[in-house]
């Protein structure tokens, strides 16, 4: 069995799950048709879990599912989910709740990064609307189907270091749009959502976490420009940014979903398969800013998010 005390930057999903038997678990992974979501689904399935992935493109998902079956022999279910459309999210939640099954682990992995100015179908800035509000609504709507004692994990990012949530102008109506500030704000929101969700579901023993997966070259980078790639390459050459493989990048999310040693630490932010230090001045890839795990800001974000989706939740 892998030495869990030695987990770090290079740890992979298979190392995280070494020795695990997940045959009694049902796991839902959003954005499972590529990248980190597909790798997490494969790793879970390889340990016997029943896995459901969500995808916008069902044909693309079918190819991923076929590959996982070939690798593991496991059958993966898929549900269509568009996180940029509130009505579609409500339809999805009805289908999930209608299955009559209990979800042991929810991995909120789907996301968009550094896209040009755009809005969701409901008029929200796309990155905040899809990365945060879509998962906020979906998670709350299916909370009734999540097992008591289960786990919920949100993919955040070191991008949260760019800005806190700018409550006065979340959707860039009063300031010039900046794709990286918009991305960072959404990733801060992912972390804050885990903090408040953990508090509200504590009575059921459900714990929520957020994670920084690392810098990984996946479909998430599809909106990056030539200038962005040049910056990325310069940082690599300077040694200030070291990319991970997909197997390494998915490991921290898989770890947060399953690690017994972090029980009771709900609300925490993780990086490199360990709970990150909360500090203003630490390394941006291994620590978390205080504003991203601040309970007062988390509660404020919850209230604002309820107003935006037009629904209040009392868990």
C-alpha atoms as a PDB file:
ATOM      1  CA  UNK A   1       0.000   0.000   0.000  1.00  0.00           C
ATOM      2  CA  UNK A   2       1.205   3.514  -0.803  1.00  0.00           C
ATOM      3  CA  UNK A   3       2.664   5.594   2.053  1.00  0.00           C
ATOM      4  CA  UNK A   4      -0.129   8.116   2.522  1.00  0.00           C
ATOM      5  CA  UNK A   5       2.076  10.384   4.633  1.00  0.00           C
ATOM      6  CA  UNK A   6       4.348  10.812   1.609  1.00  0.00           C
ATOM      7  CA  UNK A   7       1.620  12.049  -0.772  1.00  0.00           C
ATOM      8  CA  UNK A   8       2.464  15.248  -2.617  1.00  0.00           C
ATOM      9  CA  UNK A   9       2.863  16.907  -5.993  1.00  0.00           C
ATOM     10  CA  UNK A  10       3.603  13.725  -7.961  1.00  0.00           C
ATOM     11  CA  UNK A  11       0.987  11.481  -6.343  1.00  0.00           C
ATOM     12  CA  UNK A  12      -1.423   9.857  -8.809  1.00  0.00           C
ATOM     13  CA  UNK A  13      -5.034   8.775  -8.556  1.00  0.00           C
ATOM     14  CA  UNK A  14      -4.101   5.088  -8.434  1.00  0.00           C
ATOM     15  CA  UNK A  15      -1.687   5.738  -5.560  1.00  0.00           C
ATOM     16  CA  UNK A  16      -4.389   7.642  -3.669  1.00  0.00           C
ATOM     17  CA  UNK A  17      -6.758   4.677  -4.002  1.00  0.00           C
ATOM     18  CA  UNK A  18      -4.194   1.940  -3.419  1.00  0.00           C
ATOM     19  CA  UNK A  19      -5.788  -0.639  -1.148  1.00  0.00           C
ATOM     20  CA  UNK A  20      -9.310   0.837  -1.398  1.00  0.00           C
ATOM     21  CA  UNK A  21     -12.475  -1.105  -2.182  1.00  0.00           C
ATOM     22  CA  UNK A  22     -15.201   1.243  -3.423  1.00  0.00           C
ATOM     23  CA  UNK A  23     -17.639  -1.447  -4.519  1.00  0.00           C
ATOM     24  CA  UNK A  24     -20.283  -0.156  -2.105  1.00  0.00           C
ATOM     25  CA  UNK A  25     -20.057   3.463  -3.296  1.00  0.00           C
ATOM     26  CA  UNK A  26     -22.046   5.450  -5.840  1.00  0.00           C
ATOM     27  CA  UNK A  27     -20.027   8.420  -7.098  1.00  0.00           C
ATOM     28  CA  UNK A  28     -21.237  11.314  -9.266  1.00  0.00           C
ATOM     29  CA  UNK A  29     -18.587  13.255 -11.218  1.00  0.00           C
ATOM     30  CA  UNK A  30     -19.536  16.401 -13.136  1.00  0.00           C
ATOM     31  CA  UNK A  31     -17.618  17.096 -16.319  1.00  0.00           C
ATOM     32  CA  UNK A  32     -16.566  13.482 -16.709  1.00  0.00           C
ATOM     33  CA  UNK A  33     -16.175  13.427 -20.483  1.00  0.00           C
ATOM     34  CA  UNK A  34     -12.559  14.639 -20.550  1.00  0.00           C
ATOM     35  CA  UNK A  35      -9.522  15.580 -18.515  1.00  0.00           C
ATOM     36  CA  UNK A  36      -9.565  15.341 -14.748  1.00  0.00           C
ATOM     37  CA  UNK A  37     -13.179  14.206 -14.553  1.00  0.00           C
ATOM     38  CA  UNK A  38     -12.573  11.295 -16.897  1.00  0.00           C
ATOM     39  CA  UNK A  39      -9.462  10.263 -14.977  1.00  0.00           C
ATOM     40  CA  UNK A  40     -11.264  10.468 -11.627  1.00  0.00           C
ATOM     41  CA  UNK A  41     -14.116   8.365 -13.019  1.00  0.00           C
ATOM     42  CA  UNK A  42     -11.642   5.765 -14.289  1.00  0.00           C
ATOM     43  CA  UNK A  43      -9.823   5.608 -10.955  1.00  0.00           C
ATOM     44  CA  UNK A  44     -13.054   5.226  -8.988  1.00  0.00           C
ATOM     45  CA  UNK A  45     -14.385   2.582 -11.371  1.00  0.00           C
ATOM     46  CA  UNK A  46     -11.130   0.635 -11.172  1.00  0.00           C
ATOM     47  CA  UNK A  47     -11.780   0.223  -7.450  1.00  0.00           C
ATOM     48  CA  UNK A  48     -15.283  -1.080  -7.999  1.00  0.00           C
ATOM     49  CA  UNK A  49     -17.361   2.073  -7.525  1.00  0.00           C
ATOM     50  CA  UNK A  50     -20.550   2.625  -9.469  1.00  0.00           C
ATOM     51  CA  UNK A  51     -19.865   5.878 -11.293  1.00  0.00           C
ATOM     52  CA  UNK A  52     -22.162   8.379 -12.976  1.00  0.00           C
ATOM     53  CA  UNK A  53     -20.567  11.157 -15.021  1.00  0.00           C
ATOM     54  CA  UNK A  54     -22.200  14.260 -16.421  1.00  0.00           C
ATOM     55  CA  UNK A  55     -21.440  15.723 -19.816  1.00  0.00           C
ATOM     56  CA  UNK A  56     -22.657  18.371 -22.216  1.00  0.00           C
ATOM     57  CA  UNK A  57     -21.630  16.261 -25.215  1.00  0.00           C
ATOM     58  CA  UNK A  58     -23.007  12.743 -24.857  1.00  0.00           C
ATOM     59  CA  UNK A  59     -21.170  11.469 -27.936  1.00  0.00           C
ATOM     60  CA  UNK A  60     -17.857  12.576 -26.458  1.00  0.00           C
ATOM     61  CA  UNK A  61     -18.805  10.982 -23.155  1.00  0.00           C
ATOM     62  CA  UNK A  62     -19.567   7.700 -24.916  1.00  0.00           C
ATOM     63  CA  UNK A  63     -15.969   7.498 -26.100  1.00  0.00           C
ATOM     64  CA  UNK A  64     -14.655   8.091 -22.584  1.00  0.00           C
ATOM     65  CA  UNK A  65     -17.002   5.480 -21.154  1.00  0.00           C
ATOM     66  CA  UNK A  66     -15.863   2.937 -23.748  1.00  0.00           C
ATOM     67  CA  UNK A  67     -12.240   3.602 -22.812  1.00  0.00           C
ATOM     68  CA  UNK A  68     -12.920   3.171 -19.099  1.00  0.00           C
ATOM     69  CA  UNK A  69     -14.768  -0.077 -19.746  1.00  0.00           C
ATOM     70  CA  UNK A  70     -11.855  -1.352 -21.787  1.00  0.00           C
ATOM     71  CA  UNK A  71      -9.396  -0.422 -19.013  1.00  0.00           C
ATOM     72  CA  UNK A  72     -11.416  -1.553 -16.004  1.00  0.00           C
ATOM     73  CA  UNK A  73     -14.338  -3.643 -17.203  1.00  0.00           C
ATOM     74  CA  UNK A  74     -16.665  -1.223 -15.412  1.00  0.00           C
ATOM     75  CA  UNK A  75     -19.900   0.198 -16.731  1.00  0.00           C
ATOM     76  CA  UNK A  76     -20.246   3.991 -16.362  1.00  0.00           C
ATOM     77  CA  UNK A  77     -23.557   5.830 -16.512  1.00  0.00           C
ATOM     78  CA  UNK A  78     -23.848   9.288 -18.071  1.00  0.00           C
ATOM     79  CA  UNK A  79     -26.353  12.089 -17.555  1.00  0.00           C
ATOM     80  CA  UNK A  80     -26.572  15.198 -19.696  1.00  0.00           C
ATOM     81  CA  UNK A  81     -25.922  18.408 -17.748  1.00  0.00           C
ATOM     82  CA  UNK A  82     -25.536  21.992 -18.932  1.00  0.00           C
ATOM     83  CA  UNK A  83     -24.315  24.023 -15.958  1.00  0.00           C
ATOM     84  CA  UNK A  84     -24.964  27.295 -17.765  1.00  0.00           C
ATOM     85  CA  UNK A  85     -28.734  26.811 -17.837  1.00  0.00           C
ATOM     86  CA  UNK A  86     -30.785  26.829 -14.629  1.00  0.00           C
ATOM     87  CA  UNK A  87     -33.753  25.047 -16.182  1.00  0.00           C
ATOM     88  CA  UNK A  88     -31.498  22.263 -17.484  1.00  0.00           C
ATOM     89  CA  UNK A  89     -29.946  21.918 -14.031  1.00  0.00           C
ATOM     90  CA  UNK A  90     -33.375  21.529 -12.451  1.00  0.00           C
ATOM     91  CA  UNK A  91     -34.277  18.867 -15.022  1.00  0.00           C
ATOM     92  CA  UNK A  92     -31.041  17.053 -14.254  1.00  0.00           C
ATOM     93  CA  UNK A  93     -31.722  17.170 -10.507  1.00  0.00           C
ATOM     94  CA  UNK A  94     -35.185  15.725 -11.051  1.00  0.00           C
ATOM     95  CA  UNK A  95     -33.656  12.821 -12.977  1.00  0.00           C
ATOM     96  CA  UNK A  96     -30.981  12.182 -10.347  1.00  0.00           C
ATOM     97  CA  UNK A  97     -33.417  12.349  -7.449  1.00  0.00           C
ATOM     98  CA  UNK A  98     -35.845  10.208  -9.434  1.00  0.00           C
ATOM     99  CA  UNK A  99     -33.309   7.370  -9.625  1.00  0.00           C
ATOM    100  CA  UNK A 100     -34.023   6.620  -5.981  1.00  0.00           C
ATOM    101  CA  UNK A 101     -30.333   5.972  -5.328  1.00  0.00           C
ATOM    102  CA  UNK A 102     -28.058   7.340  -2.628  1.00  0.00           C
ATOM    103  CA  UNK A 103     -24.950   9.185  -3.794  1.00  0.00           C
ATOM    104  CA  UNK A 104     -21.967   8.602  -1.520  1.00  0.00           C
ATOM    105  CA  UNK A 105     -19.570  11.058  -3.170  1.00  0.00           C
ATOM    106  CA  UNK A 106     -20.162  14.105  -5.376  1.00  0.00           C
ATOM    107  CA  UNK A 107     -17.147  15.481  -7.239  1.00  0.00           C
ATOM    108  CA  UNK A 108     -17.967  18.882  -8.737  1.00  0.00           C
ATOM    109  CA  UNK A 109     -15.265  18.847 -11.394  1.00  0.00           C
ATOM    110  CA  UNK A 110     -16.764  20.557 -14.464  1.00  0.00           C
ATOM    111  CA  UNK A 111     -15.633  24.039 -15.367  1.00  0.00           C
ATOM    112  CA  UNK A 112     -14.603  26.641 -17.899  1.00  0.00           C
ATOM    113  CA  UNK A 113     -11.432  28.767 -17.761  1.00  0.00           C
ATOM    114  CA  UNK A 114     -10.324  32.114 -19.171  1.00  0.00           C
ATOM    115  CA  UNK A 115     -13.037  32.349 -21.798  1.00  0.00           C
ATOM    116  CA  UNK A 116     -13.859  35.502 -23.777  1.00  0.00           C
ATOM    117  CA  UNK A 117     -16.710  37.674 -22.450  1.00  0.00           C
ATOM    118  CA  UNK A 118     -19.861  35.565 -22.425  1.00  0.00           C
ATOM    119  CA  UNK A 119     -22.982  34.927 -20.394  1.00  0.00           C
ATOM    120  CA  UNK A 120     -24.896  31.847 -19.361  1.00  0.00           C
ATOM    121  CA  UNK A 121     -28.380  31.290 -20.744  1.00  0.00           C
ATOM    122  CA  UNK A 122     -29.705  33.109 -17.671  1.00  0.00           C
ATOM    123  CA  UNK A 123     -27.515  36.193 -18.088  1.00  0.00           C
ATOM    124  CA  UNK A 124     -24.725  35.495 -15.580  1.00  0.00           C
ATOM    125  CA  UNK A 125     -21.043  36.015 -16.379  1.00  0.00           C
ATOM    126  CA  UNK A 126     -20.131  32.642 -17.834  1.00  0.00           C
ATOM    127  CA  UNK A 127     -17.299  31.573 -15.549  1.00  0.00           C
ATOM    128  CA  UNK A 128     -19.066  32.513 -12.317  1.00  0.00           C
ATOM    129  CA  UNK A 129     -22.369  31.239 -13.657  1.00  0.00           C
ATOM    130  CA  UNK A 130     -21.111  27.829 -14.780  1.00  0.00           C
ATOM    131  CA  UNK A 131     -18.282  27.138 -12.347  1.00  0.00           C
ATOM    132  CA  UNK A 132     -20.078  28.330  -9.220  1.00  0.00           C
ATOM    133  CA  UNK A 133     -23.791  29.025  -9.673  1.00  0.00           C
ATOM    134  CA  UNK A 134     -24.417  25.917 -11.763  1.00  0.00           C
ATOM    135  CA  UNK A 135     -22.799  23.687  -9.165  1.00  0.00           C
ATOM    136  CA  UNK A 136     -24.435  25.636  -6.330  1.00  0.00           C
ATOM    137  CA  UNK A 137     -27.922  25.020  -7.672  1.00  0.00           C
ATOM    138  CA  UNK A 138     -27.291  21.441  -8.742  1.00  0.00           C
ATOM    139  CA  UNK A 139     -25.662  20.390  -5.479  1.00  0.00           C
ATOM    140  CA  UNK A 140     -28.425  21.878  -3.357  1.00  0.00           C
ATOM    141  CA  UNK A 141     -31.149  20.332  -5.490  1.00  0.00           C
ATOM    142  CA  UNK A 142     -29.691  16.829  -5.207  1.00  0.00           C
ATOM    143  CA  UNK A 143     -28.597  17.151  -1.567  1.00  0.00           C
ATOM    144  CA  UNK A 144     -31.541  14.956  -0.582  1.00  0.00           C
ATOM    145  CA  UNK A 145     -29.957  12.119  -2.573  1.00  0.00           C
ATOM    146  CA  UNK A 146     -26.502  12.449  -0.982  1.00  0.00           C
ATOM    147  CA  UNK A 147     -25.815   9.899   1.735  1.00  0.00           C
ATOM    148  CA  UNK A 148     -25.546  10.930   5.356  1.00  0.00           C
ATOM    149  CA  UNK A 149     -21.822  10.838   6.059  1.00  0.00           C
ATOM    150  CA  UNK A 150     -21.041  11.413   2.368  1.00  0.00           C
ATOM    151  CA  UNK A 151     -18.583  13.853   0.807  1.00  0.00           C
ATOM    152  CA  UNK A 152     -18.811  16.719  -1.649  1.00  0.00           C
ATOM    153  CA  UNK A 153     -15.675  18.061  -3.324  1.00  0.00           C
ATOM    154  CA  UNK A 154     -15.455  21.248  -5.396  1.00  0.00           C
ATOM    155  CA  UNK A 155     -12.604  21.871  -7.815  1.00  0.00           C
ATOM    156  CA  UNK A 156     -11.210  25.279  -6.984  1.00  0.00           C
ATOM    157  CA  UNK A 157      -7.794  26.455  -8.185  1.00  0.00           C
ATOM    158  CA  UNK A 158      -4.719  28.445  -7.292  1.00  0.00           C
ATOM    159  CA  UNK A 159      -6.487  30.937  -9.543  1.00  0.00           C
ATOM    160  CA  UNK A 160      -8.376  31.979  -6.421  1.00  0.00           C
ATOM    161  CA  UNK A 161      -5.254  34.031  -5.635  1.00  0.00           C
ATOM    162  CA  UNK A 162      -6.162  36.505  -8.404  1.00  0.00           C
ATOM    163  CA  UNK A 163      -9.164  38.050  -6.632  1.00  0.00           C
ATOM    164  CA  UNK A 164     -11.738  37.543  -3.927  1.00  0.00           C
ATOM    165  CA  UNK A 165     -15.394  37.570  -4.970  1.00  0.00           C
ATOM    166  CA  UNK A 166     -16.196  41.148  -5.939  1.00  0.00           C
ATOM    167  CA  UNK A 167     -19.723  41.225  -4.541  1.00  0.00           C
ATOM    168  CA  UNK A 168     -20.321  44.749  -5.811  1.00  0.00           C
ATOM    169  CA  UNK A 169     -19.809  43.687  -9.439  1.00  0.00           C
ATOM    170  CA  UNK A 170     -19.747  39.905  -9.754  1.00  0.00           C
ATOM    171  CA  UNK A 171     -20.842  39.891 -13.400  1.00  0.00           C
ATOM    172  CA  UNK A 172     -18.524  42.656 -14.664  1.00  0.00           C
ATOM    173  CA  UNK A 173     -21.296  45.133 -15.375  1.00  0.00           C
ATOM    174  CA  UNK A 174     -19.373  48.109 -13.981  1.00  0.00           C
ATOM    175  CA  UNK A 175     -15.760  47.162 -14.753  1.00  0.00           C
ATOM    176  CA  UNK A 176     -13.900  45.972 -17.808  1.00  0.00           C
ATOM    177  CA  UNK A 177     -14.045  42.215 -18.217  1.00  0.00           C
ATOM    178  CA  UNK A 178     -10.820  40.379 -17.425  1.00  0.00           C
ATOM    179  CA  UNK A 179     -10.943  36.660 -18.160  1.00  0.00           C
ATOM    180  CA  UNK A 180      -8.389  35.729 -15.499  1.00  0.00           C
ATOM    181  CA  UNK A 181     -10.017  37.839 -12.797  1.00  0.00           C
ATOM    182  CA  UNK A 182     -13.353  36.283 -13.721  1.00  0.00           C
ATOM    183  CA  UNK A 183     -11.837  32.815 -13.504  1.00  0.00           C
ATOM    184  CA  UNK A 184     -10.170  33.530 -10.172  1.00  0.00           C
ATOM    185  CA  UNK A 185     -13.357  34.965  -8.709  1.00  0.00           C
ATOM    186  CA  UNK A 186     -15.259  31.826  -9.700  1.00  0.00           C
ATOM    187  CA  UNK A 187     -12.587  29.599  -8.150  1.00  0.00           C
ATOM    188  CA  UNK A 188     -12.738  31.615  -4.925  1.00  0.00           C
ATOM    189  CA  UNK A 189     -16.490  31.054  -4.994  1.00  0.00           C
ATOM    190  CA  UNK A 190     -15.965  27.287  -5.363  1.00  0.00           C
ATOM    191  CA  UNK A 191     -13.892  27.271  -2.178  1.00  0.00           C
ATOM    192  CA  UNK A 192     -16.324  29.472  -0.246  1.00  0.00           C
ATOM    193  CA  UNK A 193     -19.230  27.283  -1.334  1.00  0.00           C
ATOM    194  CA  UNK A 194     -17.528  24.269   0.240  1.00  0.00           C
ATOM    195  CA  UNK A 195     -17.126  26.159   3.521  1.00  0.00           C
ATOM    196  CA  UNK A 196     -20.796  27.096   3.837  1.00  0.00           C
ATOM    197  CA  UNK A 197     -22.096  23.820   2.432  1.00  0.00           C
ATOM    198  CA  UNK A 198     -20.038  21.947   5.003  1.00  0.00           C
ATOM    199  CA  UNK A 199     -21.631  23.994   7.777  1.00  0.00           C
ATOM    200  CA  UNK A 200     -25.175  23.547   6.530  1.00  0.00           C
ATOM    201  CA  UNK A 201     -24.910  19.789   5.988  1.00  0.00           C
ATOM    202  CA  UNK A 202     -23.008  19.078   9.207  1.00  0.00           C
ATOM    203  CA  UNK A 203     -26.124  17.715  10.866  1.00  0.00           C
ATOM    204  CA  UNK A 204     -26.145  14.870   8.343  1.00  0.00           C
ATOM    205  CA  UNK A 205     -22.445  14.164   8.697  1.00  0.00           C
ATOM    206  CA  UNK A 206     -21.776  15.287   5.120  1.00  0.00           C
ATOM    207  CA  UNK A 207     -18.434  17.028   4.646  1.00  0.00           C
ATOM    208  CA  UNK A 208     -17.478  19.375   1.814  1.00  0.00           C
ATOM    209  CA  UNK A 209     -13.985  20.248   0.623  1.00  0.00           C
ATOM    210  CA  UNK A 210     -12.377  22.281  -2.158  1.00  0.00           C
ATOM    211  CA  UNK A 211      -9.168  21.453  -3.997  1.00  0.00           C
ATOM    212  CA  UNK A 212      -6.483  22.898  -6.242  1.00  0.00           C
ATOM    213  CA  UNK A 213      -5.646  20.192  -8.793  1.00  0.00           C
ATOM    214  CA  UNK A 214      -2.515  21.822 -10.213  1.00  0.00           C
ATOM    215  CA  UNK A 215      -1.631  23.063 -13.689  1.00  0.00           C
ATOM    216  CA  UNK A 216      -2.693  20.414 -16.183  1.00  0.00           C
ATOM    217  CA  UNK A 217      -3.014  20.620 -19.949  1.00  0.00           C
ATOM    218  CA  UNK A 218      -6.604  19.495 -20.520  1.00  0.00           C
ATOM    219  CA  UNK A 219      -9.612  20.746 -22.479  1.00  0.00           C
ATOM    220  CA  UNK A 220     -10.003  23.386 -19.756  1.00  0.00           C
ATOM    221  CA  UNK A 221      -7.271  25.337 -21.566  1.00  0.00           C
ATOM    222  CA  UNK A 222      -9.197  25.477 -24.844  1.00  0.00           C
ATOM    223  CA  UNK A 223      -9.794  29.237 -24.560  1.00  0.00           C
ATOM    224  CA  UNK A 224      -6.148  30.127 -23.943  1.00  0.00           C
ATOM    225  CA  UNK A 225      -4.662  32.466 -26.538  1.00  0.00           C
ATOM    226  CA  UNK A 226      -1.224  32.433 -28.118  1.00  0.00           C
ATOM    227  CA  UNK A 227      -0.219  35.096 -25.588  1.00  0.00           C
ATOM    228  CA  UNK A 228      -1.491  32.935 -22.723  1.00  0.00           C
ATOM    229  CA  UNK A 229       0.483  29.949 -23.941  1.00  0.00           C
ATOM    230  CA  UNK A 230       3.622  32.064 -24.246  1.00  0.00           C
ATOM    231  CA  UNK A 231       3.216  33.203 -20.645  1.00  0.00           C
ATOM    232  CA  UNK A 232       2.658  29.590 -19.588  1.00  0.00           C
ATOM    233  CA  UNK A 233       5.817  28.451 -21.378  1.00  0.00           C
ATOM    234  CA  UNK A 234       7.883  31.295 -19.912  1.00  0.00           C
ATOM    235  CA  UNK A 235       6.800  30.366 -16.392  1.00  0.00           C
ATOM    236  CA  UNK A 236       7.643  26.728 -17.084  1.00  0.00           C
ATOM    237  CA  UNK A 237      11.101  27.700 -18.331  1.00  0.00           C
ATOM    238  CA  UNK A 238      11.647  29.855 -15.252  1.00  0.00           C
ATOM    239  CA  UNK A 239      10.557  27.025 -12.966  1.00  0.00           C
ATOM    240  CA  UNK A 240       7.746  29.062 -11.418  1.00  0.00           C
ATOM    241  CA  UNK A 241       5.077  26.755 -12.835  1.00  0.00           C
ATOM    242  CA  UNK A 242       5.439  22.995 -13.119  1.00  0.00           C
ATOM    243  CA  UNK A 243       2.603  21.168 -14.897  1.00  0.00           C
ATOM    244  CA  UNK A 244       1.169  17.886 -13.676  1.00  0.00           C
ATOM    245  CA  UNK A 245       0.046  14.877 -15.638  1.00  0.00           C
ATOM    246  CA  UNK A 246      -3.690  14.217 -15.724  1.00  0.00           C
ATOM    247  CA  UNK A 247      -3.207  11.330 -13.293  1.00  0.00           C
ATOM    248  CA  UNK A 248      -1.415  13.651 -10.874  1.00  0.00           C
ATOM    249  CA  UNK A 249      -3.864  16.490 -11.427  1.00  0.00           C
ATOM    250  CA  UNK A 250      -6.912  14.398 -10.610  1.00  0.00           C
ATOM    251  CA  UNK A 251      -5.286  12.923  -7.508  1.00  0.00           C
ATOM    252  CA  UNK A 252      -6.113  15.693  -5.020  1.00  0.00           C
ATOM    253  CA  UNK A 253      -9.798  15.638  -5.914  1.00  0.00           C
ATOM    254  CA  UNK A 254      -9.895  11.852  -5.597  1.00  0.00           C
ATOM    255  CA  UNK A 255      -8.009  12.112  -2.304  1.00  0.00           C
ATOM    256  CA  UNK A 256     -10.486  14.658  -0.902  1.00  0.00           C
ATOM    257  CA  UNK A 257     -13.354  12.376  -1.921  1.00  0.00           C
ATOM    258  CA  UNK A 258     -12.011   9.296  -0.154  1.00  0.00           C
ATOM    259  CA  UNK A 259      -9.213   9.946   2.361  1.00  0.00           C
ATOM    260  CA  UNK A 260     -10.224   8.748   5.832  1.00  0.00           C
ATOM    261  CA  UNK A 261      -7.507  10.843   7.462  1.00  0.00           C
ATOM    262  CA  UNK A 262      -9.229  14.148   6.647  1.00  0.00           C
ATOM    263  CA  UNK A 263     -12.549  13.210   8.256  1.00  0.00           C
ATOM    264  CA  UNK A 264     -13.651  16.032  10.518  1.00  0.00           C
ATOM    265  CA  UNK A 265     -11.772  18.665   8.500  1.00  0.00           C
ATOM    266  CA  UNK A 266     -14.694  19.599   6.277  1.00  0.00           C
ATOM    267  CA  UNK A 267     -14.593  23.052   4.706  1.00  0.00           C
ATOM    268  CA  UNK A 268     -10.842  22.801   4.137  1.00  0.00           C
ATOM    269  CA  UNK A 269      -9.013  23.562   0.888  1.00  0.00           C
ATOM    270  CA  UNK A 270      -6.503  20.950  -0.315  1.00  0.00           C
ATOM    271  CA  UNK A 271      -3.508  20.988  -2.647  1.00  0.00           C
ATOM    272  CA  UNK A 272      -1.041  18.204  -3.488  1.00  0.00           C
ATOM    273  CA  UNK A 273      -3.129  15.658  -1.558  1.00  0.00           C
ATOM    274  CA  UNK A 274      -2.962  17.471   1.748  1.00  0.00           C
ATOM    275  CA  UNK A 275      -4.853  20.185   3.583  1.00  0.00           C
ATOM    276  CA  UNK A 276      -3.430  23.572   2.641  1.00  0.00           C
ATOM    277  CA  UNK A 277      -2.198  26.181   5.075  1.00  0.00           C
ATOM    278  CA  UNK A 278      -4.353  29.312   5.250  1.00  0.00           C
ATOM    279  CA  UNK A 279      -2.022  32.274   4.726  1.00  0.00           C
ATOM    280  CA  UNK A 280      -1.718  35.584   2.915  1.00  0.00           C
ATOM    281  CA  UNK A 281       1.894  35.082   1.879  1.00  0.00           C
ATOM    282  CA  UNK A 282       2.478  31.406   1.112  1.00  0.00           C
ATOM    283  CA  UNK A 283       3.205  29.671  -2.168  1.00  0.00           C
ATOM    284  CA  UNK A 284       0.130  30.156  -4.330  1.00  0.00           C
ATOM    285  CA  UNK A 285       0.097  26.530  -5.468  1.00  0.00           C
ATOM    286  CA  UNK A 286       0.132  24.913  -2.029  1.00  0.00           C
ATOM    287  CA  UNK A 287      -1.645  27.396   0.284  1.00  0.00           C
ATOM    288  CA  UNK A 288      -5.025  29.137   0.353  1.00  0.00           C
ATOM    289  CA  UNK A 289      -5.880  32.795   0.879  1.00  0.00           C
ATOM    290  CA  UNK A 290      -7.894  33.580   4.020  1.00  0.00           C
ATOM    291  CA  UNK A 291     -10.688  35.199   2.002  1.00  0.00           C
ATOM    292  CA  UNK A 292     -11.305  31.923   0.130  1.00  0.00           C
ATOM    293  CA  UNK A 293     -12.202  30.055   3.325  1.00  0.00           C
ATOM    294  CA  UNK A 294     -13.685  32.919   5.350  1.00  0.00           C
ATOM    295  CA  UNK A 295     -16.979  31.767   6.950  1.00  0.00           C
ATOM    296  CA  UNK A 296     -18.585  35.207   6.832  1.00  0.00           C
ATOM    297  CA  UNK A 297     -17.828  35.618   3.142  1.00  0.00           C
ATOM    298  CA  UNK A 298     -19.036  32.060   2.550  1.00  0.00           C
ATOM    299  CA  UNK A 299     -22.372  32.853   4.167  1.00  0.00           C
ATOM    300  CA  UNK A 300     -22.656  36.080   2.150  1.00  0.00           C
ATOM    301  CA  UNK A 301     -21.939  34.215  -1.080  1.00  0.00           C
ATOM    302  CA  UNK A 302     -24.606  31.635  -0.221  1.00  0.00           C
ATOM    303  CA  UNK A 303     -27.231  34.360   0.220  1.00  0.00           C
ATOM    304  CA  UNK A 304     -26.227  36.107  -3.009  1.00  0.00           C
ATOM    305  CA  UNK A 305     -26.227  32.799  -4.889  1.00  0.00           C
ATOM    306  CA  UNK A 306     -29.717  31.953  -3.651  1.00  0.00           C
ATOM    307  CA  UNK A 307     -30.938  35.317  -4.922  1.00  0.00           C
ATOM    308  CA  UNK A 308     -29.366  34.721  -8.322  1.00  0.00           C
ATOM    309  CA  UNK A 309     -30.831  31.250  -8.835  1.00  0.00           C
ATOM    310  CA  UNK A 310     -34.187  32.300  -7.356  1.00  0.00           C
ATOM    311  CA  UNK A 311     -34.378  29.597  -4.723  1.00  0.00           C
ATOM    312  CA  UNK A 312     -33.643  29.301  -1.013  1.00  0.00           C
ATOM    313  CA  UNK A 313     -32.290  26.138   0.580  1.00  0.00           C
ATOM    314  CA  UNK A 314     -32.759  24.987   4.147  1.00  0.00           C
ATOM    315  CA  UNK A 315     -30.688  21.875   4.773  1.00  0.00           C
END
